[in-house]
Amino acid sequence: MPYIWFSVICLIWGSSFVLMKRAMACFSPIGVGAGRAMGGALVLGLIFLLLKQRITIRRNDLAPLLLVVLLGFVWPHSLQPEMVARHSGAFVGMTVGFTPLLTILVSIPILGIWPTNRQVVGVIGALACLMALMLDYSRQSVPLVDILLAFSVPLTYSVANSIIRRSLQHLPPLELTMVCLIAAATFLLPLSLFVQNHRVAKPDQIGSALLAVSTLGIIGTGIATFLFNRLVQEHGPLFAGMTTNMVPIGAVLWGSAEGESISMIQIVALAGILVMVTYVQTASLKPRIAAKT
């Protein structure tokens, strides 16, 4: 079952960047972030009520929750749409692919977890493929500031995932994701009303932009993040974080559909990423399965 959720998350998040691109035709980056958080919070809140769940958050959970909200939701959800609009979904998707490598690094001081040899080989192999993709995209003149901003997202994702594993593992994934999205929406919605949108919305694009934000919020943020947090809690941040190695595949394919060219180097690199992810994931759950039998 974890592999099914893993594949679903990869499929959804690989399609997120094209939705961001369409949403940015009418909304500001913070407005897109607020819409994502609101849509996700709404669908998960309804599920929470239908299942008649109870809030189990304790006072000691508030500090780590705040960090997770800021690092894992507010910052990336506000920044990524702007990076997609400035450059391309494929470029932003590839930077997200560095999350597993950074997860290995931050898991050592935060969780005290050292990676296995298999994980190191798989993640470094995927990183090499991602570097090939980045070099191929170096023909695009991306400013250094934008590169650093884009790479800050996988770093904050890695820290947030490790905090969840260390301090919030006792919270049900549905409750954890719902509360984080509500908090992110509470922060971003008022801010979006004061930040001026420098893009002029065209009447014929409003409908598609609203549909993109709704889909991005309900499916791409609400449902997918809930499944992701469940994987983090049950199987660790590295196993869950490897989903982001698959995100560039969807981002590049969608970019091609939007008119971006795909080179042979990119095709080979994407195939290499798939091989490395398969190499790591085929053995990562075996110890847990054996322990349960």
Foldseek 3Di string as FASTA:
>chain_A
DLVVLLVLLLQLLLQLLVLLQLLLLAAALLRLLLLQLVLQLVQLVVVCVVVVDDDDDDPVCVVLLVLLLVLVRQLCSSLSSVLCNVPHLLVLLLLLLLLLVLLQVVCCVLVVDHDDPLSVVLNVLLVVLSVLVVVVVVVDPDDPVSVVSSNSNSNSNSNSLSSCQVPVLPDQLSNSLSVSSVVSSVVSVVVRVVDDSPRHHDPVSPVSSSVSSNCCRHPVRNVSSSSLSVCCSPQNPNLSSLSSSSSSVSRVVVVVVVPDDDDPSNVVSNVSSVVSNCSCPVCSCVVVVVVVD
